[in-house]
Every structure is written in structure tokens, then in C-alpha cells.
Amino acid sequence: MGSLVSNVAAKFAFFPPQPPTYNIQREGAKITFARIRSEKNIHVHLLDTKRGNRIVAMYWRHPYARFTVLYSHGNAADLGQMYDLFVQLRKHLRINLMAYDYSGYGASTGKNME
């Protein structure tokens, strides 16, 4: 019964953008966002989870940053939608920024759940 309730709750609680607002591509050993200008201070990573999924994470480095912020976006967004905000946060706050998508969001694999 608990699994059924969890599955029903997940259908009503999580709203990842469909279709995802970005794709990733490999350029040799480097992973980048497709259709977004590659920049030397943006690093895209695929992280393996305990459940066997791969989530997309990006690290934005600012040359004069003293702090790094770990940014967890809201329920109905993915990294592609947050891209412009990340550009502005890094620029104006002079911070390094690490952001990630949840399982089932954007180009991350798996199902979205609690």
C-alpha cells in the first residue's frame, strides 16, 4: 500500500518540464549543454546515484569568487530553464555555483520521486 500511495503522490507532486529544456552532448571527454555556447568556466558532470541513475550537475566557476553556492532549483524547473539566472547570479554575486537536476528532470535519468 505504501508504494501505491508513494507513486500516486509522485504523480501529483513532481512536475519536471516535458520535454526537457536542454540536452547534453559529449565533445571528446568534455560534456556540454547542446545549443548553448561552451564556456571554459562551466563544467557539466554526470553523477551516478545509489539507485543507479545519472544526474546532470553543472559547476560555474567565477575567477574572483570567495564562496560556492549549492543551488537546488524548484519543483517545476530544470537546469535549462535556470541557465539565465545562473549567469546573472555568478556575474553579480561573484560566486561559484553548483547546480544539479533531480532524477527524472532534464537530461537526468530515472524517475522523479521524493
PDB file of N, CA and C in Angstrom:
ATOM      1  N   MET A   1       0.825  -1.198   0.000  1.00  0.00           N
ATOM      2  CA  MET A   1       0.000   0.000   0.000  1.00  0.00           C
ATOM      3  C   MET A   1       0.866   1.257   0.000  1.00  0.00           C
ATOM      4  N   GLY A   2       1.975   1.214   0.764  1.00  0.00           N
ATOM      5  CA  GLY A   2       2.846   2.383   0.834  1.00  0.00           C
ATOM      6  C   GLY A   2       3.419   2.754  -0.519  1.00  0.00           C
ATOM      7  N   SER A   3       3.773   1.759  -1.331  1.00  0.00           N
ATOM      8  CA  SER A   3       4.317   2.013  -2.656  1.00  0.00           C
ATOM      9  C   SER A   3       3.276   2.660  -3.555  1.00  0.00           C
ATOM     10  N   LEU A   4       2.046   2.206  -3.481  1.00  0.00           N
ATOM     11  CA  LEU A   4       0.968   2.766  -4.283  1.00  0.00           C
ATOM     12  C   LEU A   4       0.733   4.229  -3.926  1.00  0.00           C
ATOM     13  N   VAL A   5       0.686   4.525  -2.632  1.00  0.00           N
ATOM     14  CA  VAL A   5       0.495   5.899  -2.178  1.00  0.00           C
ATOM     15  C   VAL A   5       1.657   6.766  -2.635  1.00  0.00           C
ATOM     16  N   SER A   6       2.880   6.252  -2.535  1.00  0.00           N
ATOM     17  CA  SER A   6       4.057   6.993  -2.957  1.00  0.00           C
ATOM     18  C   SER A   6       4.012   7.296  -4.453  1.00  0.00           C
ATOM     19  N   ASN A   7       3.602   6.316  -5.271  1.00  0.00           N
ATOM     20  CA  ASN A   7       3.512   6.531  -6.717  1.00  0.00           C
ATOM     21  C   ASN A   7       2.447   7.559  -7.063  1.00  0.00           C
ATOM     22  N   VAL A   8       1.303   7.504  -6.408  1.00  0.00           N
ATOM     23  CA  VAL A   8       0.234   8.471  -6.660  1.00  0.00           C
ATOM     24  C   VAL A   8       0.689   9.865  -6.233  1.00  0.00           C
ATOM     25  N   ALA A   9       1.310   9.950  -5.067  1.00  0.00           N
ATOM     26  CA  ALA A   9       1.803  11.246  -4.585  1.00  0.00           C
ATOM     27  C   ALA A   9       2.834  11.829  -5.550  1.00  0.00           C
ATOM     28  N   ALA A  10       3.712  10.989  -6.094  1.00  0.00           N
ATOM     29  CA  ALA A  10       4.744  11.466  -7.021  1.00  0.00           C
ATOM     30  C   ALA A  10       4.120  12.052  -8.283  1.00  0.00           C
ATOM     31  N   LYS A  11       3.028  11.458  -8.766  1.00  0.00           N
ATOM     32  CA  LYS A  11       2.376  11.970  -9.981  1.00  0.00           C
ATOM     33  C   LYS A  11       1.807  13.359  -9.763  1.00  0.00           C
ATOM     34  N   PHE A  12       1.351  13.659  -8.553  1.00  0.00           N
ATOM     35  CA  PHE A  12       0.771  14.961  -8.256  1.00  0.00           C
ATOM     36  C   PHE A  12       1.770  15.970  -7.719  1.00  0.00           C
ATOM     37  N   ALA A  13       2.886  15.512  -7.214  1.00  0.00           N
ATOM     38  CA  ALA A  13       3.824  16.396  -6.534  1.00  0.00           C
ATOM     39  C   ALA A  13       4.975  16.881  -7.405  1.00  0.00           C
ATOM     40  N   PHE A  14       5.369  16.123  -8.419  1.00  0.00           N
ATOM     41  CA  PHE A  14       6.558  16.466  -9.193  1.00  0.00           C
ATOM     42  C   PHE A  14       6.166  16.781 -10.628  1.00  0.00           C
ATOM     43  N   PHE A  15       6.641  17.920 -11.117  1.00  0.00           N
ATOM     44  CA  PHE A  15       6.279  18.367 -12.453  1.00  0.00           C
ATOM     45  C   PHE A  15       7.512  18.744 -13.264  1.00  0.00           C
ATOM     46  N   PRO A  16       8.341  17.780 -13.639  1.00  0.00           N
ATOM     47  CA  PRO A  16       9.500  18.149 -14.458  1.00  0.00           C
ATOM     48  C   PRO A  16       9.034  18.638 -15.819  1.00  0.00           C
ATOM     49  N   PRO A  17       9.728  19.610 -16.399  1.00  0.00           N
ATOM     50  CA  PRO A  17       9.347  20.094 -17.728  1.00  0.00           C
ATOM     51  C   PRO A  17       9.363  18.960 -18.748  1.00  0.00           C
ATOM     52  N   GLN A  18       8.325  18.857 -19.526  1.00  0.00           N
ATOM     53  CA  GLN A  18       8.243  17.856 -20.597  1.00  0.00           C
ATOM     54  C   GLN A  18       7.952  18.561 -21.903  1.00  0.00           C
ATOM     55  N   PRO A  19       8.811  18.471 -22.878  1.00  0.00           N
ATOM     56  CA  PRO A  19      10.110  17.788 -22.867  1.00  0.00           C
ATOM     57  C   PRO A  19      11.134  18.613 -22.086  1.00  0.00           C
ATOM     58  N   PRO A  20      12.268  17.997 -21.742  1.00  0.00           N
ATOM     59  CA  PRO A  20      13.318  18.753 -21.043  1.00  0.00           C
ATOM     60  C   PRO A  20      13.744  19.964 -21.870  1.00  0.00           C
ATOM     61  N   THR A  21      14.186  21.009 -21.195  1.00  0.00           N
ATOM     62  CA  THR A  21      14.544  22.245 -21.890  1.00  0.00           C
ATOM     63  C   THR A  21      15.993  22.265 -22.370  1.00  0.00           C
ATOM     64  N   TYR A  22      16.724  21.183 -22.181  1.00  0.00           N
ATOM     65  CA  TYR A  22      18.106  21.119 -22.656  1.00  0.00           C
ATOM     66  C   TYR A  22      18.486  19.677 -22.939  1.00  0.00           C
ATOM     67  N   ASN A  23      19.564  19.525 -23.660  1.00  0.00           N
ATOM     68  CA  ASN A  23      20.190  18.222 -23.901  1.00  0.00           C
ATOM     69  C   ASN A  23      21.669  18.362 -23.596  1.00  0.00           C
ATOM     70  N   ILE A  24      22.312  17.240 -23.324  1.00  0.00           N
ATOM     71  CA  ILE A  24      23.758  17.268 -23.139  1.00  0.00           C
ATOM     72  C   ILE A  24      24.409  16.546 -24.312  1.00  0.00           C
ATOM     73  N   GLN A  25      25.639  16.900 -24.582  1.00  0.00           N
ATOM     74  CA  GLN A  25      26.389  16.249 -25.651  1.00  0.00           C
ATOM     75  C   GLN A  25      27.829  16.084 -25.199  1.00  0.00           C
ATOM     76  N   ARG A  26      28.492  15.126 -25.786  1.00  0.00           N
ATOM     77  CA  ARG A  26      29.912  14.905 -25.483  1.00  0.00           C
ATOM     78  C   ARG A  26      30.745  15.513 -26.604  1.00  0.00           C
ATOM     79  N   GLU A  27      31.758  16.250 -26.192  1.00  0.00           N
ATOM     80  CA  GLU A  27      32.748  16.789 -27.118  1.00  0.00           C
ATOM     81  C   GLU A  27      34.085  16.217 -26.671  1.00  0.00           C
ATOM     82  N   GLY A  28      34.410  15.036 -27.172  1.00  0.00           N
ATOM     83  CA  GLY A  28      35.587  14.323 -26.684  1.00  0.00           C
ATOM     84  C   GLY A  28      35.317  13.851 -25.271  1.00  0.00           C
ATOM     85  N   ALA A  29      36.182  14.235 -24.339  1.00  0.00           N
ATOM     86  CA  ALA A  29      35.989  13.845 -22.939  1.00  0.00           C
ATOM     87  C   ALA A  29      35.102  14.841 -22.194  1.00  0.00           C
ATOM     88  N   LYS A  30      34.793  15.971 -22.827  1.00  0.00           N
ATOM     89  CA  LYS A  30      34.029  17.028 -22.173  1.00  0.00           C
ATOM     90  C   LYS A  30      32.537  16.868 -22.449  1.00  0.00           C
ATOM     91  N   ILE A  31      31.713  17.136 -21.432  1.00  0.00           N
ATOM     92  CA  ILE A  31      30.260  17.111 -21.571  1.00  0.00           C
ATOM     93  C   ILE A  31      29.781  18.561 -21.574  1.00  0.00           C
ATOM     94  N   THR A  32      28.926  18.910 -22.524  1.00  0.00           N
ATOM     95  CA  THR A  32      28.409  20.274 -22.621  1.00  0.00           C
ATOM     96  C   THR A  32      26.901  20.251 -22.817  1.00  0.00           C
ATOM     97  N   PHE A  33      26.284  21.411 -22.656  1.00  0.00           N
ATOM     98  CA  PHE A  33      24.874  21.572 -22.994  1.00  0.00           C
ATOM     99  C   PHE A  33      24.789  21.781 -24.502  1.00  0.00           C
ATOM    100  N   ALA A  34      23.914  21.055 -25.149  1.00  0.00           N
ATOM    101  CA  ALA A  34      23.708  21.238 -26.587  1.00  0.00           C
ATOM    102  C   ALA A  34      23.053  22.605 -26.817  1.00  0.00           C
ATOM    103  N   ARG A  35      23.423  23.261 -27.874  1.00  0.00           N
ATOM    104  CA  ARG A  35      22.870  24.544 -28.301  1.00  0.00           C
ATOM    105  C   ARG A  35      23.153  25.705 -27.353  1.00  0.00           C
ATOM    106  N   ILE A  36      24.040  25.509 -26.393  1.00  0.00           N
ATOM    107  CA  ILE A  36      24.448  26.601 -25.517  1.00  0.00           C
ATOM    108  C   ILE A  36      25.945  26.767 -25.679  1.00  0.00           C
ATOM    109  N   ARG A  37      26.357  27.995 -25.878  1.00  0.00           N
ATOM    110  CA  ARG A  37      27.762  28.301 -26.109  1.00  0.00           C
ATOM    111  C   ARG A  37      28.622  27.728 -24.987  1.00  0.00           C
ATOM    112  N   SER A  38      29.611  26.951 -25.358  1.00  0.00           N
ATOM    113  CA  SER A  38      30.517  26.350 -24.381  1.00  0.00           C
ATOM    114  C   SER A  38      31.409  27.438 -23.799  1.00  0.00           C
ATOM    115  N   GLU A  39      31.622  27.378 -22.515  1.00  0.00           N
ATOM    116  CA  GLU A  39      32.433  28.368 -21.831  1.00  0.00           C
ATOM    117  C   GLU A  39      33.428  27.645 -20.943  1.00  0.00           C
ATOM    118  N   LYS A  40      34.638  28.154 -20.864  1.00  0.00           N
ATOM    119  CA  LYS A  40      35.675  27.446 -20.107  1.00  0.00           C
ATOM    120  C   LYS A  40      35.390  27.379 -18.615  1.00  0.00           C
ATOM    121  N   ASN A  41      34.560  28.268 -18.077  1.00  0.00           N
ATOM    122  CA  ASN A  41      34.281  28.282 -16.642  1.00  0.00           C
ATOM    123  C   ASN A  41      33.028  27.498 -16.262  1.00  0.00           C
ATOM    124  N   ILE A  42      32.402  26.816 -17.218  1.00  0.00           N
ATOM    125  CA  ILE A  42      31.233  25.992 -16.934  1.00  0.00           C
ATOM    126  C   ILE A  42      31.612  24.535 -17.163  1.00  0.00           C
ATOM    127  N   HIS A  43      31.416  23.729 -16.145  1.00  0.00           N
ATOM    128  CA  HIS A  43      31.734  22.314 -16.235  1.00  0.00           C
ATOM    129  C   HIS A  43      30.468  21.502 -15.996  1.00  0.00           C
ATOM    130  N   VAL A  44      30.129  20.626 -16.933  1.00  0.00           N
ATOM    131  CA  VAL A  44      28.955  19.771 -16.822  1.00  0.00           C
ATOM    132  C   VAL A  44      29.420  18.375 -16.429  1.00  0.00           C
ATOM    133  N   HIS A  45      28.750  17.795 -15.451  1.00  0.00           N
ATOM    134  CA  HIS A  45      29.123  16.478 -14.933  1.00  0.00           C
ATOM    135  C   HIS A  45      27.925  15.547 -14.933  1.00  0.00           C
ATOM    136  N   LEU A  46      28.178  14.254 -15.094  1.00  0.00           N
ATOM    137  CA  LEU A  46      27.163  13.222 -14.892  1.00  0.00           C
ATOM    138  C   LEU A  46      27.531  12.487 -13.617  1.00  0.00           C
ATOM    139  N   LEU A  47      26.642  12.513 -12.638  1.00  0.00           N
ATOM    140  CA  LEU A  47      26.905  11.906 -11.342  1.00  0.00           C
ATOM    141  C   LEU A  47      26.046  10.660 -11.168  1.00  0.00           C
ATOM    142  N   ASP A  48      26.657   9.567 -10.746  1.00  0.00           N
ATOM    143  CA  ASP A  48      25.928   8.326 -10.509  1.00  0.00           C
ATOM    144  C   ASP A  48      25.312   8.347  -9.111  1.00  0.00           C
ATOM    145  N   THR A  49      24.058   7.885  -9.012  1.00  0.00           N
ATOM    146  CA  THR A  49      23.380   7.827  -7.722  1.00  0.00           C
ATOM    147  C   THR A  49      23.381   6.408  -7.187  1.00  0.00           C
ATOM    148  N   LYS A  50      23.003   6.250  -5.918  1.00  0.00           N
ATOM    149  CA  LYS A  50      22.916   4.914  -5.308  1.00  0.00           C
ATOM    150  C   LYS A  50      21.856   4.058  -5.997  1.00  0.00           C
ATOM    151  N   ARG A  51      20.847   4.671  -6.572  1.00  0.00           N
ATOM    152  CA  ARG A  51      19.768   3.930  -7.233  1.00  0.00           C
ATOM    153  C   ARG A  51      20.096   3.594  -8.686  1.00  0.00           C
ATOM    154  N   GLY A  52      21.294   3.919  -9.128  1.00  0.00           N
ATOM    155  CA  GLY A  52      21.707   3.579 -10.488  1.00  0.00           C
ATOM    156  C   GLY A  52      21.329   4.609 -11.529  1.00  0.00           C
ATOM    157  N   ASN A  53      20.888   5.777 -11.110  1.00  0.00           N
ATOM    158  CA  ASN A  53      20.558   6.846 -12.057  1.00  0.00           C
ATOM    159  C   ASN A  53      21.775   7.722 -12.291  1.00  0.00           C
ATOM    160  N   ARG A  54      21.683   8.528 -13.313  1.00  0.00           N
ATOM    161  CA  ARG A  54      22.716   9.536 -13.570  1.00  0.00           C
ATOM    162  C   ARG A  54      22.050  10.898 -13.548  1.00  0.00           C
ATOM    163  N   ILE A  55      22.573  11.779 -12.712  1.00  0.00           N
ATOM    164  CA  ILE A  55      22.021  13.122 -12.684  1.00  0.00           C
ATOM    165  C   ILE A  55      23.033  14.099 -13.292  1.00  0.00           C
ATOM    166  N   VAL A  56      22.501  15.119 -13.913  1.00  0.00           N
ATOM    167  CA  VAL A  56      23.324  16.155 -14.530  1.00  0.00           C
ATOM    168  C   VAL A  56      23.584  17.238 -13.482  1.00  0.00           C
ATOM    169  N   ALA A  57      24.831  17.620 -13.355  1.00  0.00           N
ATOM    170  CA  ALA A  57      25.210  18.714 -12.464  1.00  0.00           C
ATOM    171  C   ALA A  57      26.113  19.662 -13.243  1.00  0.00           C
ATOM    172  N   MET A  58      26.041  20.926 -12.919  1.00  0.00           N
ATOM    173  CA  MET A  58      26.934  21.894 -13.551  1.00  0.00           C
ATOM    174  C   MET A  58      27.604  22.747 -12.486  1.00  0.00           C
ATOM    175  N   TYR A  59      28.844  23.046 -12.764  1.00  0.00           N
ATOM    176  CA  TYR A  59      29.644  23.866 -11.864  1.00  0.00           C
ATOM    177  C   TYR A  59      30.092  25.094 -12.639  1.00  0.00           C
ATOM    178  N   TRP A  60      29.710  26.265 -12.144  1.00  0.00           N
ATOM    179  CA  TRP A  60      30.064  27.543 -12.765  1.00  0.00           C
ATOM    180  C   TRP A  60      31.144  28.184 -11.900  1.00  0.00           C
ATOM    181  N   ARG A  61      32.301  28.393 -12.472  1.00  0.00           N
ATOM    182  CA  ARG A  61      33.410  28.975 -11.727  1.00  0.00           C
ATOM    183  C   ARG A  61      33.522  30.458 -12.055  1.00  0.00           C
ATOM    184  N   HIS A  62      33.658  31.274 -11.026  1.00  0.00           N
ATOM    185  CA  HIS A  62      33.910  32.704 -11.199  1.00  0.00           C
ATOM    186  C   HIS A  62      35.348  32.962 -10.770  1.00  0.00           C
ATOM    187  N   PRO A  63      36.118  33.662 -11.588  1.00  0.00           N
ATOM    188  CA  PRO A  63      37.555  33.815 -11.285  1.00  0.00           C
ATOM    189  C   PRO A  63      37.857  34.544  -9.977  1.00  0.00           C
ATOM    190  N   TYR A  64      36.919  35.370  -9.482  1.00  0.00           N
ATOM    191  CA  TYR A  64      37.175  36.131  -8.256  1.00  0.00           C
ATOM    192  C   TYR A  64      36.282  35.690  -7.094  1.00  0.00           C
ATOM    193  N   ALA A  65      35.675  34.532  -7.205  1.00  0.00           N
ATOM    194  CA  ALA A  65      34.741  34.069  -6.169  1.00  0.00           C
ATOM    195  C   ALA A  65      35.461  33.710  -4.880  1.00  0.00           C
ATOM    196  N   ARG A  66      34.797  34.021  -3.775  1.00  0.00           N
ATOM    197  CA  ARG A  66      35.267  33.586  -2.457  1.00  0.00           C
ATOM    198  C   ARG A  66      34.365  32.509  -1.892  1.00  0.00           C
ATOM    199  N   PHE A  67      33.174  32.359  -2.475  1.00  0.00           N
ATOM    200  CA  PHE A  67      32.197  31.406  -1.967  1.00  0.00           C
ATOM    201  C   PHE A  67      31.648  30.548  -3.099  1.00  0.00           C
ATOM    202  N   THR A  68      31.161  29.382  -2.733  1.00  0.00           N
ATOM    203  CA  THR A  68      30.465  28.495  -3.668  1.00  0.00           C
ATOM    204  C   THR A  68      29.075  28.238  -3.115  1.00  0.00           C
ATOM    205  N   VAL A  69      28.066  28.391  -3.969  1.00  0.00           N
ATOM    206  CA  VAL A  69      26.677  28.159  -3.594  1.00  0.00           C
ATOM    207  C   VAL A  69      26.204  26.864  -4.244  1.00  0.00           C
ATOM    208  N   LEU A  70      25.561  26.009  -3.462  1.00  0.00           N
ATOM    209  CA  LEU A  70      24.911  24.813  -3.990  1.00  0.00           C
ATOM    210  C   LEU A  70      23.450  25.180  -4.201  1.00  0.00           C
ATOM    211  N   TYR A  71      23.009  25.195  -5.457  1.00  0.00           N
ATOM    212  CA  TYR A  71      21.667  25.661  -5.810  1.00  0.00           C
ATOM    213  C   TYR A  71      20.780  24.470  -6.163  1.00  0.00           C
ATOM    214  N   SER A  72      19.686  24.316  -5.429  1.00  0.00           N
ATOM    215  CA  SER A  72      18.691  23.288  -5.714  1.00  0.00           C
ATOM    216  C   SER A  72      17.461  23.995  -6.270  1.00  0.00           C
ATOM    217  N   HIS A  73      17.164  23.786  -7.544  1.00  0.00           N
ATOM    218  CA  HIS A  73      16.051  24.508  -8.164  1.00  0.00           C
ATOM    219  C   HIS A  73      14.716  23.987  -7.670  1.00  0.00           C
ATOM    220  N   GLY A  74      13.660  24.700  -8.034  1.00  0.00           N
ATOM    221  CA  GLY A  74      12.306  24.339  -7.621  1.00  0.00           C
ATOM    222  C   GLY A  74      11.759  23.137  -8.366  1.00  0.00           C
ATOM    223  N   ASN A  75      10.575  22.760  -8.010  1.00  0.00           N
ATOM    224  CA  ASN A  75       9.926  21.543  -8.462  1.00  0.00           C
ATOM    225  C   ASN A  75       9.674  21.502  -9.966  1.00  0.00           C
ATOM    226  N   ALA A  76       9.229  22.569 -10.562  1.00  0.00           N
ATOM    227  CA  ALA A  76       8.782  22.538 -11.954  1.00  0.00           C
ATOM    228  C   ALA A  76       9.812  23.152 -12.899  1.00  0.00           C
ATOM    229  N   ALA A  77      11.087  22.937 -12.640  1.00  0.00           N
ATOM    230  CA  ALA A  77      12.145  23.527 -13.474  1.00  0.00           C
ATOM    231  C   ALA A  77      13.224  22.485 -13.729  1.00  0.00           C
ATOM    232  N   ASP A  78      14.095  22.805 -14.672  1.00  0.00           N
ATOM    233  CA  ASP A  78      15.307  22.019 -14.874  1.00  0.00           C
ATOM    234  C   ASP A  78      16.447  22.985 -15.145  1.00  0.00           C
ATOM    235  N   LEU A  79      17.656  22.471 -15.298  1.00  0.00           N
ATOM    236  CA  LEU A  79      18.831  23.330 -15.451  1.00  0.00           C
ATOM    237  C   LEU A  79      18.740  24.242 -16.670  1.00  0.00           C
ATOM    238  N   GLY A  80      18.096  23.777 -17.726  1.00  0.00           N
ATOM    239  CA  GLY A  80      17.958  24.611 -18.919  1.00  0.00           C
ATOM    240  C   GLY A  80      17.158  25.866 -18.647  1.00  0.00           C
ATOM    241  N   GLN A  81      16.097  25.754 -17.864  1.00  0.00           N
ATOM    242  CA  GLN A  81      15.281  26.914 -17.520  1.00  0.00           C
ATOM    243  C   GLN A  81      16.008  27.855 -16.572  1.00  0.00           C
ATOM    244  N   MET A  82      16.911  27.338 -15.789  1.00  0.00           N
ATOM    245  CA  MET A  82      17.610  28.135 -14.790  1.00  0.00           C
ATOM    246  C   MET A  82      18.882  28.787 -15.336  1.00  0.00           C
ATOM    247  N   TYR A  83      19.253  28.471 -16.556  1.00  0.00           N
ATOM    248  CA  TYR A  83      20.528  28.901 -17.135  1.00  0.00           C
ATOM    249  C   TYR A  83      20.748  30.413 -17.022  1.00  0.00           C
ATOM    250  N   ASP A  84      19.776  31.203 -17.459  1.00  0.00           N
ATOM    251  CA  ASP A  84      19.951  32.664 -17.433  1.00  0.00           C
ATOM    252  C   ASP A  84      20.100  33.193 -16.007  1.00  0.00           C
ATOM    253  N   LEU A  85      19.357  32.621 -15.077  1.00  0.00           N
ATOM    254  CA  LEU A  85      19.501  33.018 -13.679  1.00  0.00           C
ATOM    255  C   LEU A  85      20.907  32.712 -13.184  1.00  0.00           C
ATOM    256  N   PHE A  86      21.436  31.549 -13.533  1.00  0.00           N
ATOM    257  CA  PHE A  86      22.779  31.179 -13.099  1.00  0.00           C
ATOM    258  C   PHE A  86      23.828  32.147 -13.649  1.00  0.00           C
ATOM    259  N   VAL A  87      23.653  32.565 -14.888  1.00  0.00           N
ATOM    260  CA  VAL A  87      24.576  33.545 -15.481  1.00  0.00           C
ATOM    261  C   VAL A  87      24.583  34.822 -14.647  1.00  0.00           C
ATOM    262  N   GLN A  88      23.396  35.303 -14.290  1.00  0.00           N
ATOM    263  CA  GLN A  88      23.289  36.552 -13.530  1.00  0.00           C
ATOM    264  C   GLN A  88      23.795  36.400 -12.093  1.00  0.00           C
ATOM    265  N   LEU A  89      23.471  35.297 -11.441  1.00  0.00           N
ATOM    266  CA  LEU A  89      23.948  35.085 -10.073  1.00  0.00           C
ATOM    267  C   LEU A  89      25.465  35.068 -10.020  1.00  0.00           C
ATOM    268  N   ARG A  90      26.059  34.322 -10.923  1.00  0.00           N
ATOM    269  CA  ARG A  90      27.528  34.226 -10.934  1.00  0.00           C
ATOM    270  C   ARG A  90      28.158  35.587 -11.213  1.00  0.00           C
ATOM    271  N   LYS A  91      27.604  36.301 -12.156  1.00  0.00           N
ATOM    272  CA  LYS A  91      28.165  37.591 -12.554  1.00  0.00           C
ATOM    273  C   LYS A  91      28.040  38.641 -11.448  1.00  0.00           C
ATOM    274  N   HIS A  92      26.840  38.800 -10.896  1.00  0.00           N
ATOM    275  CA  HIS A  92      26.592  39.896  -9.957  1.00  0.00           C
ATOM    276  C   HIS A  92      27.016  39.583  -8.521  1.00  0.00           C
ATOM    277  N   LEU A  93      26.940  38.330  -8.116  1.00  0.00           N
ATOM    278  CA  LEU A  93      27.324  37.979  -6.752  1.00  0.00           C
ATOM    279  C   LEU A  93      28.777  37.525  -6.653  1.00  0.00           C
ATOM    280  N   ARG A  94      29.409  37.318  -7.812  1.00  0.00           N
ATOM    281  CA  ARG A  94      30.800  36.852  -7.859  1.00  0.00           C
ATOM    282  C   ARG A  94      30.977  35.584  -7.031  1.00  0.00           C
ATOM    283  N   ILE A  95      30.188  34.581  -7.376  1.00  0.00           N
ATOM    284  CA  ILE A  95      30.216  33.308  -6.666  1.00  0.00           C
ATOM    285  C   ILE A  95      30.485  32.171  -7.643  1.00  0.00           C
ATOM    286  N   ASN A  96      31.011  31.079  -7.121  1.00  0.00           N
ATOM    287  CA  ASN A  96      30.979  29.817  -7.841  1.00  0.00           C
ATOM    288  C   ASN A  96      29.600  29.226  -7.574  1.00  0.00           C
ATOM    289  N   LEU A  97      29.070  28.508  -8.530  1.00  0.00           N
ATOM    290  CA  LEU A  97      27.726  27.967  -8.381  1.00  0.00           C
ATOM    291  C   LEU A  97      27.701  26.515  -8.821  1.00  0.00           C
ATOM    292  N   MET A  98      27.188  25.656  -7.966  1.00  0.00           N
ATOM    293  CA  MET A  98      26.982  24.249  -8.300  1.00  0.00           C
ATOM    294  C   MET A  98      25.483  24.023  -8.304  1.00  0.00           C
ATOM    295  N   ALA A  99      24.961  23.495  -9.413  1.00  0.00           N
ATOM    296  CA  ALA A  99      23.533  23.208  -9.525  1.00  0.00           C
ATOM    297  C   ALA A  99      23.369  21.827 -10.137  1.00  0.00           C
ATOM    298  N   TYR A 100      22.242  21.210  -9.892  1.00  0.00           N
ATOM    299  CA  TYR A 100      22.018  19.845 -10.370  1.00  0.00           C
ATOM    300  C   TYR A 100      20.546  19.656 -10.672  1.00  0.00           C
ATOM    301  N   ASP A 101      20.263  18.673 -11.490  1.00  0.00           N
ATOM    302  CA  ASP A 101      18.887  18.265 -11.735  1.00  0.00           C
ATOM    303  C   ASP A 101      18.587  17.035 -10.897  1.00  0.00           C
ATOM    304  N   TYR A 102      17.347  16.888 -10.536  1.00  0.00           N
ATOM    305  CA  TYR A 102      16.916  15.709  -9.790  1.00  0.00           C
ATOM    306  C   TYR A 102      16.732  14.551 -10.768  1.00  0.00           C
ATOM    307  N   SER A 103      16.678  13.337 -10.266  1.00  0.00           N
ATOM    308  CA  SER A 103      16.381  12.179 -11.118  1.00  0.00           C
ATOM    309  C   SER A 103      15.042  12.415 -11.822  1.00  0.00           C
ATOM    310  N   GLY A 104      15.026  12.182 -13.137  1.00  0.00           N
ATOM    311  CA  GLY A 104      13.808  12.370 -13.911  1.00  0.00           C
ATOM    312  C   GLY A 104      13.604  13.778 -14.427  1.00  0.00           C
ATOM    313  N   TYR A 105      14.490  14.705 -14.089  1.00  0.00           N
ATOM    314  CA  TYR A 105      14.391  16.087 -14.558  1.00  0.00           C
ATOM    315  C   TYR A 105      15.477  16.341 -15.596  1.00  0.00           C
ATOM    316  N   GLY A 106      15.160  17.153 -16.609  1.00  0.00           N
ATOM    317  CA  GLY A 106      16.144  17.500 -17.623  1.00  0.00           C
ATOM    318  C   GLY A 106      16.722  16.252 -18.277  1.00  0.00           C
ATOM    319  N   ALA A 107      18.036  16.211 -18.412  1.00  0.00           N
ATOM    320  CA  ALA A 107      18.711  15.070 -19.037  1.00  0.00           C
ATOM    321  C   ALA A 107      19.116  14.005 -18.028  1.00  0.00           C
ATOM    322  N   SER A 108      18.683  14.144 -16.764  1.00  0.00           N
ATOM    323  CA  SER A 108      18.974  13.144 -15.744  1.00  0.00           C
ATOM    324  C   SER A 108      18.083  11.928 -15.947  1.00  0.00           C
ATOM    325  N   THR A 109      18.632  10.761 -15.664  1.00  0.00           N
ATOM    326  CA  THR A 109      17.864   9.522 -15.855  1.00  0.00           C
ATOM    327  C   THR A 109      17.070   9.201 -14.598  1.00  0.00           C
ATOM    328  N   GLY A 110      16.200   8.219 -14.713  1.00  0.00           N
ATOM    329  CA  GLY A 110      15.437   7.754 -13.555  1.00  0.00           C
ATOM    330  C   GLY A 110      14.062   8.380 -13.473  1.00  0.00           C
ATOM    331  N   LYS A 111      13.390   8.085 -12.381  1.00  0.00           N
ATOM    332  CA  LYS A 111      12.061   8.615 -12.137  1.00  0.00           C
ATOM    333  C   LYS A 111      12.128   9.666 -11.066  1.00  0.00           C
ATOM    334  N   ASN A 112      11.269  10.660 -11.210  1.00  0.00           N
ATOM    335  CA  ASN A 112      11.191  11.678 -10.173  1.00  0.00           C
ATOM    336  C   ASN A 112      10.350  11.141  -9.018  1.00  0.00           C
ATOM    337  N   MET A 113      10.913  11.227  -7.831  1.00  0.00           N
ATOM    338  CA  MET A 113      10.218  10.767  -6.618  1.00  0.00           C
ATOM    339  C   MET A 113      10.756  11.549  -5.435  1.00  0.00           C
ATOM    340  N   GLU A 114      10.167  11.326  -4.292  1.00  0.00           N
ATOM    341  CA  GLU A 114      10.558  12.069  -3.109  1.00  0.00           C
ATOM    342  C   GLU A 114      11.994  11.894  -2.713  1.00  0.00           C
TER     343      GLU A 114
END
